[in-house]
Every structure is written in structure tokens, then in C-alpha cells.
Amino acid sequence: MSAPTARHSRSALIFLIAAIVAALVSMPLLRAVGMVLWPVFVIAWLINLGAAWHLAQWARQQGRSEWAYGLPAALGTVASIVVYVLLALLGPKRGAQPEITG
């Protein structure tokens, strides 16, 4: 895996973990102060958008459609996890040239 591809893969994973942690931490905090819980899901989804962007870039570098992977990943954290696993399992398309960016 080239350095930019590995960077997008690692960044996507970091964003996914951050979204899950943010939801797990903020839910009891909001409940403790008596607030509604919908902000938890908004916070997790906004962090997940970063993961979706990195997943789209990772897919593009593997020679796959960035929209086909990034758009479903933007729907939520669970969808992003599925996309992450699919991209990791499928790997680059045959004949795809890794993009070298400086």
C-alpha cells in the first residue's frame, strides 16, 4: 500500500473511532444534564463525514469509484465501517495505477 493510500486508510479509521468515541462519551453526559440525545447522533455524523471523505479518496486511489464508496459512507458510521472493510478486502482493481501525490 502506497504512503498516500495508507494515510487515507489510517485517517478514515481515526475518524471512525472518533465518531464512535464521541457518541459513547457524549450520550451519558447529555443524559446526566437532562438534555435530549439527538445532538449525539449529529456530532457522530459530522465526524463521520471526515471518514467518508477519506474513504472516497482511498477508493479513488485504488481505482474504484469514489462516489460509490464515499456517498454510502456519508450516511453514517455503520455504513462507513462496512465501506472500510470492503475497501480493505477488495484492494486495488487489476491494472489500477496508484496515484503518487507530492
PDB file of N, CA and C in Angstrom:
ATOM      1  N   MET A   1       0.859  -1.160   0.000  1.00  0.00           N
ATOM      2  CA  MET A   1       0.000   0.000   0.000  1.00  0.00           C
ATOM      3  C   MET A   1       0.909   1.227   0.000  1.00  0.00           C
ATOM      4  N   SER A   2       0.663   2.162  -0.917  1.00  0.00           N
ATOM      5  CA  SER A   2       1.497   3.350  -1.007  1.00  0.00           C
ATOM      6  C   SER A   2       1.227   4.279   0.177  1.00  0.00           C
ATOM      7  N   ALA A   3       2.116   5.235   0.384  1.00  0.00           N
ATOM      8  CA  ALA A   3       2.003   6.137   1.539  1.00  0.00           C
ATOM      9  C   ALA A   3       0.701   6.944   1.529  1.00  0.00           C
ATOM     10  N   PRO A   4       0.302   7.580   0.394  1.00  0.00           N
ATOM     11  CA  PRO A   4      -0.964   8.333   0.428  1.00  0.00           C
ATOM     12  C   PRO A   4      -2.173   7.423   0.656  1.00  0.00           C
ATOM     13  N   THR A   5      -2.134   6.218   0.089  1.00  0.00           N
ATOM     14  CA  THR A   5      -3.239   5.284   0.283  1.00  0.00           C
ATOM     15  C   THR A   5      -3.320   4.864   1.739  1.00  0.00           C
ATOM     16  N   ALA A   6      -2.176   4.573   2.331  1.00  0.00           N
ATOM     17  CA  ALA A   6      -2.146   4.188   3.743  1.00  0.00           C
ATOM     18  C   ALA A   6      -2.594   5.347   4.623  1.00  0.00           C
ATOM     19  N   ARG A   7      -2.241   6.569   4.243  1.00  0.00           N
ATOM     20  CA  ARG A   7      -2.632   7.741   5.032  1.00  0.00           C
ATOM     21  C   ARG A   7      -4.149   7.910   5.043  1.00  0.00           C
ATOM     22  N   HIS A   8      -4.786   7.752   3.876  1.00  0.00           N
ATOM     23  CA  HIS A   8      -6.245   7.884   3.819  1.00  0.00           C
ATOM     24  C   HIS A   8      -6.923   6.757   4.580  1.00  0.00           C
ATOM     25  N   SER A   9      -6.374   5.560   4.482  1.00  0.00           N
ATOM     26  CA  SER A   9      -6.925   4.424   5.213  1.00  0.00           C
ATOM     27  C   SER A   9      -6.834   4.667   6.720  1.00  0.00           C
ATOM     28  N   ARG A  10      -5.675   5.112   7.181  1.00  0.00           N
ATOM     29  CA  ARG A  10      -5.461   5.378   8.606  1.00  0.00           C
ATOM     30  C   ARG A  10      -6.332   6.543   9.087  1.00  0.00           C
ATOM     31  N   SER A  11      -6.422   7.597   8.282  1.00  0.00           N
ATOM     32  CA  SER A  11      -7.245   8.754   8.657  1.00  0.00           C
ATOM     33  C   SER A  11      -8.720   8.381   8.751  1.00  0.00           C
ATOM     34  N   ALA A  12      -9.190   7.562   7.817  1.00  0.00           N
ATOM     35  CA  ALA A  12     -10.585   7.116   7.859  1.00  0.00           C
ATOM     36  C   ALA A  12     -10.851   6.336   9.130  1.00  0.00           C
ATOM     37  N   LEU A  13      -9.927   5.465   9.486  1.00  0.00           N
ATOM     38  CA  LEU A  13     -10.090   4.677  10.710  1.00  0.00           C
ATOM     39  C   LEU A  13     -10.086   5.569  11.950  1.00  0.00           C
ATOM     40  N   ILE A  14      -9.220   6.574  11.971  1.00  0.00           N
ATOM     41  CA  ILE A  14      -9.177   7.511  13.099  1.00  0.00           C
ATOM     42  C   ILE A  14     -10.494   8.260  13.225  1.00  0.00           C
ATOM     43  N   PHE A  15     -11.036   8.743  12.099  1.00  0.00           N
ATOM     44  CA  PHE A  15     -12.323   9.450  12.127  1.00  0.00           C
ATOM     45  C   PHE A  15     -13.452   8.535  12.591  1.00  0.00           C
ATOM     46  N   LEU A  16     -13.437   7.276  12.141  1.00  0.00           N
ATOM     47  CA  LEU A  16     -14.472   6.329  12.566  1.00  0.00           C
ATOM     48  C   LEU A  16     -14.419   6.090  14.070  1.00  0.00           C
ATOM     49  N   ILE A  17     -13.216   5.884  14.580  1.00  0.00           N
ATOM     50  CA  ILE A  17     -13.067   5.674  16.021  1.00  0.00           C
ATOM     51  C   ILE A  17     -13.487   6.926  16.782  1.00  0.00           C
ATOM     52  N   ALA A  18     -13.123   8.099  16.272  1.00  0.00           N
ATOM     53  CA  ALA A  18     -13.505   9.358  16.927  1.00  0.00           C
ATOM     54  C   ALA A  18     -15.022   9.526  16.960  1.00  0.00           C
ATOM     55  N   ALA A  19     -15.708   9.151  15.888  1.00  0.00           N
ATOM     56  CA  ALA A  19     -17.170   9.263  15.860  1.00  0.00           C
ATOM     57  C   ALA A  19     -17.803   8.338  16.889  1.00  0.00           C
ATOM     58  N   ILE A  20     -17.291   7.131  16.991  1.00  0.00           N
ATOM     59  CA  ILE A  20     -17.833   6.174  17.960  1.00  0.00           C
ATOM     60  C   ILE A  20     -17.560   6.652  19.382  1.00  0.00           C
ATOM     61  N   VAL A  21     -16.344   7.099  19.646  1.00  0.00           N
ATOM     62  CA  VAL A  21     -15.988   7.584  20.985  1.00  0.00           C
ATOM     63  C   VAL A  21     -16.811   8.816  21.343  1.00  0.00           C
ATOM     64  N   ALA A  22     -16.969   9.738  20.392  1.00  0.00           N
ATOM     65  CA  ALA A  22     -17.756  10.943  20.660  1.00  0.00           C
ATOM     66  C   ALA A  22     -19.189  10.584  21.039  1.00  0.00           C
ATOM     67  N   ALA A  23     -19.761   9.619  20.349  1.00  0.00           N
ATOM     68  CA  ALA A  23     -21.131   9.202  20.669  1.00  0.00           C
ATOM     69  C   ALA A  23     -21.184   8.537  22.042  1.00  0.00           C
ATOM     70  N   LEU A  24     -20.225   7.671  22.325  1.00  0.00           N
ATOM     71  CA  LEU A  24     -20.228   6.951  23.602  1.00  0.00           C
ATOM     72  C   LEU A  24     -19.984   7.879  24.789  1.00  0.00           C
ATOM     73  N   VAL A  25     -19.167   8.899  24.599  1.00  0.00           N
ATOM     74  CA  VAL A  25     -18.866   9.828  25.695  1.00  0.00           C
ATOM     75  C   VAL A  25     -19.980  10.859  25.869  1.00  0.00           C
ATOM     76  N   SER A  26     -20.475  11.397  24.770  1.00  0.00           N
ATOM     77  CA  SER A  26     -21.452  12.476  24.892  1.00  0.00           C
ATOM     78  C   SER A  26     -22.842  11.983  25.305  1.00  0.00           C
ATOM     79  N   MET A  27     -23.185  10.736  25.004  1.00  0.00           N
ATOM     80  CA  MET A  27     -24.515  10.247  25.361  1.00  0.00           C
ATOM     81  C   MET A  27     -24.751  10.270  26.876  1.00  0.00           C
ATOM     82  N   PRO A  28     -23.870   9.687  27.693  1.00  0.00           N
ATOM     83  CA  PRO A  28     -24.121   9.762  29.135  1.00  0.00           C
ATOM     84  C   PRO A  28     -24.006  11.178  29.688  1.00  0.00           C
ATOM     85  N   LEU A  29     -23.133  11.992  29.087  1.00  0.00           N
ATOM     86  CA  LEU A  29     -23.004  13.373  29.556  1.00  0.00           C
ATOM     87  C   LEU A  29     -24.285  14.162  29.322  1.00  0.00           C
ATOM     88  N   LEU A  30     -24.839  14.023  28.129  1.00  0.00           N
ATOM     89  CA  LEU A  30     -26.084  14.735  27.829  1.00  0.00           C
ATOM     90  C   LEU A  30     -27.241  14.207  28.675  1.00  0.00           C
ATOM     91  N   ARG A  31     -27.262  12.918  28.887  1.00  0.00           N
ATOM     92  CA  ARG A  31     -28.309  12.329  29.717  1.00  0.00           C
ATOM     93  C   ARG A  31     -28.186  12.832  31.163  1.00  0.00           C
ATOM     94  N   ALA A  32     -26.959  12.976  31.651  1.00  0.00           N
ATOM     95  CA  ALA A  32     -26.723  13.421  33.033  1.00  0.00           C
ATOM     96  C   ALA A  32     -27.201  14.851  33.261  1.00  0.00           C
ATOM     97  N   VAL A  33     -27.071  15.693  32.243  1.00  0.00           N
ATOM     98  CA  VAL A  33     -27.511  17.083  32.410  1.00  0.00           C
ATOM     99  C   VAL A  33     -28.957  17.275  31.957  1.00  0.00           C
ATOM    100  N   GLY A  34     -29.599  16.194  31.557  1.00  0.00           N
ATOM    101  CA  GLY A  34     -31.019  16.257  31.204  1.00  0.00           C
ATOM    102  C   GLY A  34     -31.307  16.776  29.809  1.00  0.00           C
ATOM    103  N   MET A  35     -30.324  16.730  28.922  1.00  0.00           N
ATOM    104  CA  MET A  35     -30.557  17.203  27.548  1.00  0.00           C
ATOM    105  C   MET A  35     -31.067  16.061  26.674  1.00  0.00           C
ATOM    106  N   VAL A  36     -31.653  16.442  25.555  1.00  0.00           N
ATOM    107  CA  VAL A  36     -32.093  15.440  24.584  1.00  0.00           C
ATOM    108  C   VAL A  36     -30.864  14.786  23.956  1.00  0.00           C
ATOM    109  N   LEU A  37     -31.035  13.615  23.382  1.00  0.00           N
ATOM    110  CA  LEU A  37     -29.889  12.862  22.878  1.00  0.00           C
ATOM    111  C   LEU A  37     -29.605  13.051  21.390  1.00  0.00           C
ATOM    112  N   TRP A  38     -30.464  13.789  20.668  1.00  0.00           N
ATOM    113  CA  TRP A  38     -30.212  13.905  19.231  1.00  0.00           C
ATOM    114  C   TRP A  38     -28.878  14.559  18.898  1.00  0.00           C
ATOM    115  N   PRO A  39     -28.325  15.475  19.736  1.00  0.00           N
ATOM    116  CA  PRO A  39     -27.005  16.026  19.377  1.00  0.00           C
ATOM    117  C   PRO A  39     -25.900  14.969  19.291  1.00  0.00           C
ATOM    118  N   VAL A  40     -26.052  13.871  20.021  1.00  0.00           N
ATOM    119  CA  VAL A  40     -25.060  12.800  19.964  1.00  0.00           C
ATOM    120  C   VAL A  40     -24.930  12.285  18.538  1.00  0.00           C
ATOM    121  N   PHE A  41     -26.046  12.055  17.903  1.00  0.00           N
ATOM    122  CA  PHE A  41     -26.033  11.498  16.562  1.00  0.00           C
ATOM    123  C   PHE A  41     -25.552  12.523  15.537  1.00  0.00           C
ATOM    124  N   VAL A  42     -25.861  13.783  15.766  1.00  0.00           N
ATOM    125  CA  VAL A  42     -25.380  14.836  14.871  1.00  0.00           C
ATOM    126  C   VAL A  42     -23.861  14.956  14.977  1.00  0.00           C
ATOM    127  N   ILE A  43     -23.339  14.942  16.197  1.00  0.00           N
ATOM    128  CA  ILE A  43     -21.893  15.032  16.403  1.00  0.00           C
ATOM    129  C   ILE A  43     -21.193  13.842  15.737  1.00  0.00           C
ATOM    130  N   ALA A  44     -21.696  12.639  15.974  1.00  0.00           N
ATOM    131  CA  ALA A  44     -21.087  11.438  15.386  1.00  0.00           C
ATOM    132  C   ALA A  44     -21.157  11.496  13.862  1.00  0.00           C
ATOM    133  N   TRP A  45     -22.270  11.962  13.321  1.00  0.00           N
ATOM    134  CA  TRP A  45     -22.405  12.021  11.865  1.00  0.00           C
ATOM    135  C   TRP A  45     -21.455  13.058  11.266  1.00  0.00           C
ATOM    136  N   LEU A  46     -21.307  14.201  11.921  1.00  0.00           N
ATOM    137  CA  LEU A  46     -20.396  15.224  11.401  1.00  0.00           C
ATOM    138  C   LEU A  46     -18.948  14.728  11.402  1.00  0.00           C
ATOM    139  N   ILE A  47     -18.552  14.036  12.459  1.00  0.00           N
ATOM    140  CA  ILE A  47     -17.204  13.461  12.482  1.00  0.00           C
ATOM    141  C   ILE A  47     -17.091  12.381  11.408  1.00  0.00           C
ATOM    142  N   ASN A  48     -18.168  11.630  11.209  1.00  0.00           N
ATOM    143  CA  ASN A  48     -18.182  10.572  10.204  1.00  0.00           C
ATOM    144  C   ASN A  48     -17.990  11.125   8.788  1.00  0.00           C
ATOM    145  N   LEU A  49     -18.399  12.359   8.545  1.00  0.00           N
ATOM    146  CA  LEU A  49     -18.190  12.941   7.213  1.00  0.00           C
ATOM    147  C   LEU A  49     -16.706  12.988   6.866  1.00  0.00           C
ATOM    148  N   GLY A  50     -15.852  13.214   7.860  1.00  0.00           N
ATOM    149  CA  GLY A  50     -14.410  13.159   7.623  1.00  0.00           C
ATOM    150  C   GLY A  50     -13.975  11.768   7.202  1.00  0.00           C
ATOM    151  N   ALA A  51     -14.534  10.759   7.864  1.00  0.00           N
ATOM    152  CA  ALA A  51     -14.224   9.377   7.492  1.00  0.00           C
ATOM    153  C   ALA A  51     -14.695   9.097   6.068  1.00  0.00           C
ATOM    154  N   ALA A  52     -15.886   9.570   5.724  1.00  0.00           N
ATOM    155  CA  ALA A  52     -16.423   9.339   4.378  1.00  0.00           C
ATOM    156  C   ALA A  52     -15.526   9.970   3.320  1.00  0.00           C
ATOM    157  N   TRP A  53     -15.025  11.162   3.591  1.00  0.00           N
ATOM    158  CA  TRP A  53     -14.149  11.825   2.622  1.00  0.00           C
ATOM    159  C   TRP A  53     -12.872  11.009   2.421  1.00  0.00           C
ATOM    160  N   HIS A  54     -12.266  10.572   3.519  1.00  0.00           N
ATOM    161  CA  HIS A  54     -11.040   9.778   3.406  1.00  0.00           C
ATOM    162  C   HIS A  54     -11.303   8.433   2.730  1.00  0.00           C
ATOM    163  N   LEU A  55     -12.460   7.833   2.987  1.00  0.00           N
ATOM    164  CA  LEU A  55     -12.801   6.574   2.323  1.00  0.00           C
ATOM    165  C   LEU A  55     -12.968   6.784   0.817  1.00  0.00           C
ATOM    166  N   ALA A  56     -13.556   7.907   0.424  1.00  0.00           N
ATOM    167  CA  ALA A  56     -13.708   8.210  -1.004  1.00  0.00           C
ATOM    168  C   ALA A  56     -12.340   8.378  -1.660  1.00  0.00           C
ATOM    169  N   GLN A  57     -11.426   9.064  -0.981  1.00  0.00           N
ATOM    170  CA  GLN A  57     -10.081   9.247  -1.532  1.00  0.00           C
ATOM    171  C   GLN A  57      -9.336   7.919  -1.617  1.00  0.00           C
ATOM    172  N   TRP A  58      -9.525   7.085  -0.611  1.00  0.00           N
ATOM    173  CA  TRP A  58      -8.896   5.759  -0.596  1.00  0.00           C
ATOM    174  C   TRP A  58      -9.415   4.927  -1.767  1.00  0.00           C
ATOM    175  N   ALA A  59     -10.737   4.967  -1.988  1.00  0.00           N
ATOM    176  CA  ALA A  59     -11.332   4.221  -3.111  1.00  0.00           C
ATOM    177  C   ALA A  59     -10.786   4.732  -4.440  1.00  0.00           C
ATOM    178  N   ARG A  60     -10.692   6.062  -4.590  1.00  0.00           N
ATOM    179  CA  ARG A  60     -10.180   6.637  -5.830  1.00  0.00           C
ATOM    180  C   ARG A  60      -8.752   6.181  -6.091  1.00  0.00           C
ATOM    181  N   GLN A  61      -7.934   6.125  -5.040  1.00  0.00           N
ATOM    182  CA  GLN A  61      -6.550   5.697  -5.210  1.00  0.00           C
ATOM    183  C   GLN A  61      -6.442   4.208  -5.544  1.00  0.00           C
ATOM    184  N   GLN A  62      -7.480   3.451  -5.224  1.00  0.00           N
ATOM    185  CA  GLN A  62      -7.489   2.032  -5.579  1.00  0.00           C
ATOM    186  C   GLN A  62      -8.085   1.805  -6.959  1.00  0.00           C
ATOM    187  N   GLY A  63      -8.465   2.878  -7.634  1.00  0.00           N
ATOM    188  CA  GLY A  63      -9.035   2.743  -8.967  1.00  0.00           C
ATOM    189  C   GLY A  63     -10.520   2.445  -8.952  1.00  0.00           C
ATOM    190  N   ARG A  64     -11.176   2.707  -7.828  1.00  0.00           N
ATOM    191  CA  ARG A  64     -12.619   2.474  -7.698  1.00  0.00           C
ATOM    192  C   ARG A  64     -13.337   3.807  -7.649  1.00  0.00           C
ATOM    193  N   SER A  65     -14.634   3.770  -7.864  1.00  0.00           N
ATOM    194  CA  SER A  65     -15.433   4.997  -7.870  1.00  0.00           C
ATOM    195  C   SER A  65     -15.505   5.597  -6.473  1.00  0.00           C
ATOM    196  N   GLU A  66     -15.033   6.851  -6.363  1.00  0.00           N
ATOM    197  CA  GLU A  66     -15.083   7.498  -5.054  1.00  0.00           C
ATOM    198  C   GLU A  66     -16.510   7.759  -4.611  1.00  0.00           C
ATOM    199  N   TRP A  67     -17.413   8.000  -5.567  1.00  0.00           N
ATOM    200  CA  TRP A  67     -18.819   8.240  -5.208  1.00  0.00           C
ATOM    201  C   TRP A  67     -19.492   6.961  -4.735  1.00  0.00           C
ATOM    202  N   ALA A  68     -19.142   5.843  -5.343  1.00  0.00           N
ATOM    203  CA  ALA A  68     -19.771   4.574  -4.977  1.00  0.00           C
ATOM    204  C   ALA A  68     -19.431   4.163  -3.550  1.00  0.00           C
ATOM    205  N   TYR A  69     -18.302   4.624  -3.035  1.00  0.00           N
ATOM    206  CA  TYR A  69     -17.904   4.278  -1.672  1.00  0.00           C
ATOM    207  C   TYR A  69     -18.081   5.444  -0.705  1.00  0.00           C
ATOM    208  N   GLY A  70     -17.763   6.657  -1.131  1.00  0.00           N
ATOM    209  CA  GLY A  70     -17.854   7.818  -0.248  1.00  0.00           C
ATOM    210  C   GLY A  70     -19.276   8.221   0.080  1.00  0.00           C
ATOM    211  N   LEU A  71     -20.167   8.151  -0.902  1.00  0.00           N
ATOM    212  CA  LEU A  71     -21.561   8.557  -0.667  1.00  0.00           C
ATOM    213  C   LEU A  71     -22.268   7.634   0.327  1.00  0.00           C
ATOM    214  N   PRO A  72     -22.200   6.306   0.167  1.00  0.00           N
ATOM    215  CA  PRO A  72     -22.812   5.451   1.199  1.00  0.00           C
ATOM    216  C   PRO A  72     -22.154   5.637   2.562  1.00  0.00           C
ATOM    217  N   ALA A  73     -20.843   5.877   2.583  1.00  0.00           N
ATOM    218  CA  ALA A  73     -20.145   6.072   3.855  1.00  0.00           C
ATOM    219  C   ALA A  73     -20.627   7.326   4.562  1.00  0.00           C
ATOM    220  N   ALA A  74     -21.062   8.331   3.810  1.00  0.00           N
ATOM    221  CA  ALA A  74     -21.535   9.574   4.415  1.00  0.00           C
ATOM    222  C   ALA A  74     -22.861   9.392   5.148  1.00  0.00           C
ATOM    223  N   LEU A  75     -23.542   8.277   4.904  1.00  0.00           N
ATOM    224  CA  LEU A  75     -24.841   8.055   5.551  1.00  0.00           C
ATOM    225  C   LEU A  75     -24.710   7.814   7.044  1.00  0.00           C
ATOM    226  N   GLY A  76     -23.607   7.251   7.489  1.00  0.00           N
ATOM    227  CA  GLY A  76     -23.453   7.013   8.916  1.00  0.00           C
ATOM    228  C   GLY A  76     -22.236   6.194   9.244  1.00  0.00           C
ATOM    229  N   THR A  77     -21.953   6.089  10.518  1.00  0.00           N
ATOM    230  CA  THR A  77     -20.752   5.402  10.986  1.00  0.00           C
ATOM    231  C   THR A  77     -20.779   3.919  10.641  1.00  0.00           C
ATOM    232  N   VAL A  78     -21.920   3.274  10.789  1.00  0.00           N
ATOM    233  CA  VAL A  78     -22.005   1.839  10.470  1.00  0.00           C
ATOM    234  C   VAL A  78     -21.743   1.622   8.983  1.00  0.00           C
ATOM    235  N   ALA A  79     -22.313   2.469   8.140  1.00  0.00           N
ATOM    236  CA  ALA A  79     -22.071   2.354   6.701  1.00  0.00           C
ATOM    237  C   ALA A  79     -20.597   2.591   6.382  1.00  0.00           C
ATOM    238  N   SER A  80     -19.962   3.514   7.080  1.00  0.00           N
ATOM    239  CA  SER A  80     -18.538   3.770   6.855  1.00  0.00           C
ATOM    240  C   SER A  80     -17.692   2.575   7.250  1.00  0.00           C
ATOM    241  N   ILE A  81     -18.061   1.911   8.318  1.00  0.00           N
ATOM    242  CA  ILE A  81     -17.320   0.717   8.740  1.00  0.00           C
ATOM    243  C   ILE A  81     -17.430  -0.364   7.671  1.00  0.00           C
ATOM    244  N   VAL A  82     -18.623  -0.536   7.108  1.00  0.00           N
ATOM    245  CA  VAL A  82     -18.822  -1.526   6.037  1.00  0.00           C
ATOM    246  C   VAL A  82     -17.963  -1.169   4.823  1.00  0.00           C
ATOM    247  N   VAL A  83     -17.958   0.108   4.435  1.00  0.00           N
ATOM    248  CA  VAL A  83     -17.151   0.553   3.298  1.00  0.00           C
ATOM    249  C   VAL A  83     -15.664   0.334   3.584  1.00  0.00           C
ATOM    250  N   TYR A  84     -15.232   0.644   4.795  1.00  0.00           N
ATOM    251  CA  TYR A  84     -13.826   0.460   5.181  1.00  0.00           C
ATOM    252  C   TYR A  84     -13.421  -1.001   5.023  1.00  0.00           C
ATOM    253  N   VAL A  85     -14.238  -1.895   5.515  1.00  0.00           N
ATOM    254  CA  VAL A  85     -13.937  -3.328   5.426  1.00  0.00           C
ATOM    255  C   VAL A  85     -13.942  -3.789   3.968  1.00  0.00           C
ATOM    256  N   LEU A  86     -14.924  -3.323   3.182  1.00  0.00           N
ATOM    257  CA  LEU A  86     -14.976  -3.702   1.765  1.00  0.00           C
ATOM    258  C   LEU A  86     -13.727  -3.256   1.013  1.00  0.00           C
ATOM    259  N   LEU A  87     -13.325  -1.998   1.237  1.00  0.00           N
ATOM    260  CA  LEU A  87     -12.135  -1.500   0.544  1.00  0.00           C
ATOM    261  C   LEU A  87     -10.886  -2.260   0.975  1.00  0.00           C
ATOM    262  N   ALA A  88     -10.803  -2.595   2.251  1.00  0.00           N
ATOM    263  CA  ALA A  88      -9.643  -3.346   2.739  1.00  0.00           C
ATOM    264  C   ALA A  88      -9.615  -4.751   2.138  1.00  0.00           C
ATOM    265  N   LEU A  89     -10.778  -5.367   2.000  1.00  0.00           N
ATOM    266  CA  LEU A  89     -10.839  -6.726   1.458  1.00  0.00           C
ATOM    267  C   LEU A  89     -10.667  -6.766  -0.056  1.00  0.00           C
ATOM    268  N   LEU A  90     -11.250  -5.793  -0.751  1.00  0.00           N
ATOM    269  CA  LEU A  90     -11.206  -5.807  -2.212  1.00  0.00           C
ATOM    270  C   LEU A  90      -9.853  -5.395  -2.762  1.00  0.00           C
ATOM    271  N   GLY A  91      -9.185  -4.456  -2.106  1.00  0.00           N
ATOM    272  CA  GLY A  91      -7.879  -3.996  -2.578  1.00  0.00           C
ATOM    273  C   GLY A  91      -7.989  -3.282  -3.912  1.00  0.00           C
ATOM    274  N   PRO A  92      -6.835  -2.957  -4.515  1.00  0.00           N
ATOM    275  CA  PRO A  92      -6.847  -2.235  -5.785  1.00  0.00           C
ATOM    276  C   PRO A  92      -7.417  -3.065  -6.923  1.00  0.00           C
ATOM    277  N   LYS A  93      -8.052  -2.381  -7.867  1.00  0.00           N
ATOM    278  CA  LYS A  93      -8.515  -3.052  -9.081  1.00  0.00           C
ATOM    279  C   LYS A  93      -7.305  -3.508  -9.870  1.00  0.00           C
ATOM    280  N   ARG A  94      -7.485  -4.555 -10.659  1.00  0.00           N
ATOM    281  CA  ARG A  94      -6.397  -5.011 -11.514  1.00  0.00           C
ATOM    282  C   ARG A  94      -6.076  -3.920 -12.518  1.00  0.00           C
ATOM    283  N   GLY A  95      -4.807  -3.631 -12.657  1.00  0.00           N
ATOM    284  CA  GLY A  95      -4.373  -2.626 -13.626  1.00  0.00           C
ATOM    285  C   GLY A  95      -4.476  -1.209 -13.127  1.00  0.00           C
ATOM    286  N   ALA A  96      -4.955  -1.023 -11.907  1.00  0.00           N
ATOM    287  CA  ALA A  96      -5.062   0.336 -11.369  1.00  0.00           C
ATOM    288  C   ALA A  96      -3.679   0.831 -10.978  1.00  0.00           C
ATOM    289  N   GLN A  97      -3.363   2.036 -11.387  1.00  0.00           N
ATOM    290  CA  GLN A  97      -2.078   2.627 -11.044  1.00  0.00           C
ATOM    291  C   GLN A  97      -2.237   3.465  -9.782  1.00  0.00           C
ATOM    292  N   PRO A  98      -1.431   3.198  -8.752  1.00  0.00           N
ATOM    293  CA  PRO A  98      -1.540   4.041  -7.555  1.00  0.00           C
ATOM    294  C   PRO A  98      -1.126   5.465  -7.894  1.00  0.00           C
ATOM    295  N   GLU A  99      -1.913   6.401  -7.389  1.00  0.00           N
ATOM    296  CA  GLU A  99      -1.649   7.804  -7.670  1.00  0.00           C
ATOM    297  C   GLU A  99      -0.573   8.320  -6.719  1.00  0.00           C
ATOM    298  N   ILE A 100       0.431   8.939  -7.266  1.00  0.00           N
ATOM    299  CA  ILE A 100       1.503   9.489  -6.448  1.00  0.00           C
ATOM    300  C   ILE A 100       1.292  11.004  -6.391  1.00  0.00           C
ATOM    301  N   THR A 101       1.038  11.481  -5.170  1.00  0.00           N
ATOM    302  CA  THR A 101       0.875  12.922  -4.993  1.00  0.00           C
ATOM    303  C   THR A 101       1.965  13.412  -4.082  1.00  0.00           C
ATOM    304  N   GLY A 102       2.445  14.573  -4.347  1.00  0.00           N
ATOM    305  CA  GLY A 102       3.561  15.065  -3.568  1.00  0.00           C
ATOM    306  C   GLY A 102       3.137  16.130  -2.697  1.00  0.00           C
TER     307      GLY A 102
END
